[in-house]
């Protein structure tokens, strides 16, 4: 069971890092940062895409805010505490 807890915790960190890196634009699509962001996106999108389809994206001014990462982290923490 420790392995499951470790994997869930690791995935939560992947979600956090991916969310933080989304704030930084990449100018070169073949650079190291762009490749890293692409890899993180491929890891996180299977979880975030269904949440984005369900949840509305509130708009503040001209910017829409994506809370799917926060909801995914909360759900993963709940699952981690239940098991």
N, C-alpha and C. Protein backbone atom coordinates (compact mmCIF):
# COMPACT_ATOMS: atom_id res chain seq x y z
N UNK A 1 0.82 -1.19 0.00
CA UNK A 1 0.00 0.00 0.00
C UNK A 1 0.87 1.26 0.00
N UNK A 2 2.06 1.17 0.57
CA UNK A 2 2.95 2.33 0.57
C UNK A 2 3.29 2.79 -0.84
N UNK A 3 3.41 1.86 -1.76
CA UNK A 3 3.73 2.20 -3.14
C UNK A 3 2.61 3.03 -3.76
N UNK A 4 1.37 2.68 -3.48
CA UNK A 4 0.23 3.43 -4.00
C UNK A 4 0.23 4.85 -3.45
N UNK A 5 0.47 4.99 -2.15
CA UNK A 5 0.52 6.32 -1.55
C UNK A 5 1.66 7.14 -2.15
N UNK A 6 2.80 6.51 -2.37
CA UNK A 6 3.93 7.21 -2.96
C UNK A 6 3.63 7.66 -4.38
N UNK A 7 2.99 6.79 -5.17
CA UNK A 7 2.65 7.15 -6.56
C UNK A 7 1.63 8.28 -6.63
N UNK A 8 0.65 8.25 -5.74
CA UNK A 8 -0.34 9.33 -5.71
C UNK A 8 0.32 10.64 -5.31
N UNK A 9 1.19 10.60 -4.31
CA UNK A 9 1.90 11.81 -3.90
C UNK A 9 2.79 12.34 -5.01
N UNK A 10 3.46 11.45 -5.70
CA UNK A 10 4.32 11.84 -6.81
C UNK A 10 3.49 12.48 -7.94
N UNK A 11 2.34 11.90 -8.23
CA UNK A 11 1.48 12.45 -9.28
C UNK A 11 0.95 13.83 -8.89
N UNK A 12 0.67 14.03 -7.61
CA UNK A 12 0.23 15.35 -7.15
C UNK A 12 1.33 16.37 -7.41
N UNK A 13 2.58 16.01 -7.16
CA UNK A 13 3.69 16.92 -7.44
C UNK A 13 3.83 17.18 -8.93
N UNK A 14 3.58 16.17 -9.74
CA UNK A 14 3.62 16.36 -11.20
C UNK A 14 2.55 17.37 -11.62
N UNK A 15 1.36 17.27 -11.04
CA UNK A 15 0.29 18.22 -11.33
C UNK A 15 0.68 19.64 -10.92
N UNK A 16 1.28 19.78 -9.75
CA UNK A 16 1.67 21.11 -9.27
C UNK A 16 2.75 21.70 -10.16
N UNK A 17 3.76 20.91 -10.50
CA UNK A 17 4.84 21.41 -11.35
C UNK A 17 4.31 21.78 -12.73
N UNK A 18 3.43 20.95 -13.26
CA UNK A 18 2.84 21.24 -14.57
C UNK A 18 2.04 22.54 -14.54
N UNK A 19 1.27 22.75 -13.47
CA UNK A 19 0.49 23.98 -13.35
C UNK A 19 1.40 25.20 -13.24
N UNK A 20 2.46 25.09 -12.46
CA UNK A 20 3.38 26.22 -12.33
C UNK A 20 4.10 26.52 -13.64
N UNK A 21 4.50 25.50 -14.35
CA UNK A 21 5.21 25.70 -15.62
C UNK A 21 4.29 26.25 -16.71
N UNK A 22 2.99 26.07 -16.54
CA UNK A 22 2.07 26.60 -17.55
C UNK A 22 2.06 28.12 -17.56
N UNK A 23 2.56 28.74 -16.52
CA UNK A 23 2.62 30.19 -16.45
C UNK A 23 3.79 30.75 -17.24
N UNK A 24 4.75 29.91 -17.60
CA UNK A 24 5.94 30.37 -18.31
C UNK A 24 5.83 30.02 -19.79
N UNK A 25 5.86 31.02 -20.66
CA UNK A 25 5.77 30.73 -22.09
C UNK A 25 7.08 30.13 -22.61
N UNK A 26 6.94 29.28 -23.59
CA UNK A 26 8.13 28.72 -24.25
C UNK A 26 8.15 29.25 -25.67
N UNK A 27 9.27 29.82 -26.05
CA UNK A 27 9.38 30.39 -27.39
C UNK A 27 9.86 29.37 -28.40
N UNK A 28 10.60 28.37 -27.94
CA UNK A 28 11.14 27.36 -28.83
C UNK A 28 10.47 26.03 -28.53
N UNK A 29 9.83 25.42 -29.50
CA UNK A 29 9.10 24.19 -29.26
C UNK A 29 10.00 22.97 -29.12
N UNK A 30 11.30 23.12 -29.40
CA UNK A 30 12.20 21.98 -29.29
C UNK A 30 13.21 22.15 -28.16
N UNK A 31 13.04 23.15 -27.33
CA UNK A 31 13.96 23.38 -26.23
C UNK A 31 13.71 22.43 -25.08
N UNK A 32 14.59 22.49 -24.09
CA UNK A 32 14.48 21.60 -22.93
C UNK A 32 13.23 21.85 -22.12
N UNK A 33 12.92 23.12 -21.87
CA UNK A 33 11.73 23.44 -21.09
C UNK A 33 10.46 23.04 -21.84
N UNK A 34 10.43 23.27 -23.14
CA UNK A 34 9.26 22.89 -23.93
C UNK A 34 9.07 21.38 -23.93
N UNK A 35 10.14 20.64 -24.03
CA UNK A 35 10.05 19.17 -24.01
C UNK A 35 9.56 18.68 -22.65
N UNK A 36 10.05 19.30 -21.58
CA UNK A 36 9.64 18.94 -20.24
C UNK A 36 8.16 19.24 -20.02
N UNK A 37 7.72 20.43 -20.47
CA UNK A 37 6.31 20.79 -20.36
C UNK A 37 5.43 19.84 -21.16
N UNK A 38 5.89 19.45 -22.34
CA UNK A 38 5.13 18.52 -23.17
C UNK A 38 4.99 17.16 -22.48
N UNK A 39 6.06 16.69 -21.87
CA UNK A 39 6.01 15.41 -21.16
C UNK A 39 5.05 15.48 -19.97
N UNK A 40 5.10 16.59 -19.23
CA UNK A 40 4.18 16.74 -18.10
C UNK A 40 2.73 16.83 -18.57
N UNK A 41 2.51 17.50 -19.68
CA UNK A 41 1.16 17.60 -20.23
C UNK A 41 0.63 16.23 -20.61
N UNK A 42 1.47 15.42 -21.21
CA UNK A 42 1.05 14.06 -21.58
C UNK A 42 0.73 13.22 -20.35
N UNK A 43 1.39 13.50 -19.23
CA UNK A 43 1.11 12.76 -17.99
C UNK A 43 -0.15 13.26 -17.29
N UNK A 44 -0.44 14.54 -17.38
CA UNK A 44 -1.53 15.10 -16.60
C UNK A 44 -2.86 15.20 -17.34
N UNK A 45 -2.83 15.30 -18.65
CA UNK A 45 -4.07 15.49 -19.41
C UNK A 45 -5.09 14.36 -19.25
N UNK A 46 -4.69 13.09 -19.13
CA UNK A 46 -5.72 12.06 -18.94
C UNK A 46 -6.58 12.26 -17.69
N UNK A 47 -6.04 12.93 -16.68
CA UNK A 47 -6.81 13.21 -15.47
C UNK A 47 -7.52 14.55 -15.58
N UNK A 48 -6.85 15.54 -16.14
CA UNK A 48 -7.41 16.89 -16.16
C UNK A 48 -8.47 17.10 -17.23
N UNK A 49 -8.35 16.44 -18.37
CA UNK A 49 -9.30 16.65 -19.47
C UNK A 49 -10.74 16.36 -19.06
N UNK A 50 -11.03 15.21 -18.41
CA UNK A 50 -12.43 14.98 -18.00
C UNK A 50 -12.93 16.01 -16.99
N UNK A 51 -12.05 16.45 -16.10
CA UNK A 51 -12.46 17.48 -15.13
C UNK A 51 -12.77 18.79 -15.82
N UNK A 52 -11.97 19.14 -16.82
CA UNK A 52 -12.21 20.40 -17.56
C UNK A 52 -13.53 20.35 -18.32
N UNK A 53 -13.93 19.16 -18.77
CA UNK A 53 -15.19 19.04 -19.51
C UNK A 53 -16.39 19.18 -18.58
N UNK A 54 -16.22 18.79 -17.33
CA UNK A 54 -17.31 18.84 -16.35
C UNK A 54 -17.44 20.22 -15.72
N UNK A 55 -16.30 20.80 -15.35
CA UNK A 55 -16.30 22.03 -14.58
C UNK A 55 -16.40 23.27 -15.46
N UNK A 56 -17.17 24.24 -15.02
CA UNK A 56 -17.16 25.53 -15.73
C UNK A 56 -15.87 26.27 -15.41
N UNK A 57 -15.44 27.11 -16.33
CA UNK A 57 -14.24 27.93 -16.11
C UNK A 57 -14.68 29.35 -15.82
N UNK A 58 -14.61 29.77 -14.55
CA UNK A 58 -15.02 31.14 -14.23
C UNK A 58 -14.11 32.16 -14.88
N UNK A 59 -14.69 33.28 -15.24
CA UNK A 59 -13.92 34.35 -15.88
C UNK A 59 -13.78 35.50 -14.90
N UNK A 60 -12.55 35.96 -14.76
CA UNK A 60 -12.25 37.14 -13.96
C UNK A 60 -11.63 38.15 -14.90
N UNK A 61 -12.39 39.17 -15.23
CA UNK A 61 -11.94 40.12 -16.23
C UNK A 61 -11.93 39.42 -17.59
N UNK A 62 -10.82 39.42 -18.26
CA UNK A 62 -10.73 38.76 -19.56
C UNK A 62 -10.03 37.41 -19.48
N UNK A 63 -9.83 36.91 -18.27
CA UNK A 63 -9.06 35.68 -18.09
C UNK A 63 -9.95 34.61 -17.49
N UNK A 64 -9.93 33.41 -18.07
CA UNK A 64 -10.65 32.29 -17.47
C UNK A 64 -9.67 31.52 -16.60
N UNK A 65 -10.16 31.05 -15.47
CA UNK A 65 -9.32 30.36 -14.49
C UNK A 65 -9.67 28.88 -14.51
N UNK A 66 -8.63 28.05 -14.61
CA UNK A 66 -8.79 26.61 -14.66
C UNK A 66 -8.53 26.03 -13.27
N UNK A 67 -9.59 25.56 -12.64
CA UNK A 67 -9.48 24.97 -11.31
C UNK A 67 -9.36 23.45 -11.35
N UNK A 68 -9.20 22.87 -12.53
CA UNK A 68 -9.16 21.42 -12.64
C UNK A 68 -7.97 20.82 -11.90
N UNK A 69 -6.84 21.51 -11.88
CA UNK A 69 -5.68 20.99 -11.15
C UNK A 69 -5.97 20.94 -9.65
N UNK A 70 -6.58 21.99 -9.13
CA UNK A 70 -6.93 22.02 -7.71
C UNK A 70 -7.91 20.91 -7.36
N UNK A 71 -8.92 20.71 -8.19
CA UNK A 71 -9.90 19.65 -7.94
C UNK A 71 -9.24 18.28 -8.02
N UNK A 72 -8.36 18.08 -8.99
CA UNK A 72 -7.66 16.80 -9.12
C UNK A 72 -6.80 16.52 -7.89
N UNK A 73 -6.12 17.54 -7.39
CA UNK A 73 -5.28 17.35 -6.20
C UNK A 73 -6.14 17.00 -4.99
N UNK A 74 -7.26 17.69 -4.83
CA UNK A 74 -8.15 17.39 -3.71
C UNK A 74 -8.69 15.96 -3.82
N UNK A 75 -9.11 15.57 -5.02
CA UNK A 75 -9.63 14.20 -5.20
C UNK A 75 -8.55 13.15 -4.92
N UNK A 76 -7.34 13.40 -5.40
CA UNK A 76 -6.25 12.46 -5.16
C UNK A 76 -5.90 12.38 -3.67
N UNK A 77 -5.95 13.49 -2.97
CA UNK A 77 -5.69 13.48 -1.53
C UNK A 77 -6.77 12.69 -0.79
N UNK A 78 -8.02 12.88 -1.20
CA UNK A 78 -9.11 12.12 -0.58
C UNK A 78 -8.92 10.64 -0.82
N UNK A 79 -8.61 10.26 -2.06
CA UNK A 79 -8.37 8.84 -2.37
C UNK A 79 -7.19 8.31 -1.57
N UNK A 80 -6.14 9.11 -1.47
CA UNK A 80 -4.95 8.71 -0.74
C UNK A 80 -5.25 8.49 0.74
N UNK A 81 -6.13 9.30 1.30
CA UNK A 81 -6.49 9.14 2.71
C UNK A 81 -7.45 7.99 2.95
N UNK A 82 -8.26 7.68 1.95
CA UNK A 82 -9.23 6.57 2.12
C UNK A 82 -8.54 5.22 2.07
N UNK A 83 -7.57 5.09 1.17
CA UNK A 83 -6.93 3.77 1.02
C UNK A 83 -5.79 3.57 1.98
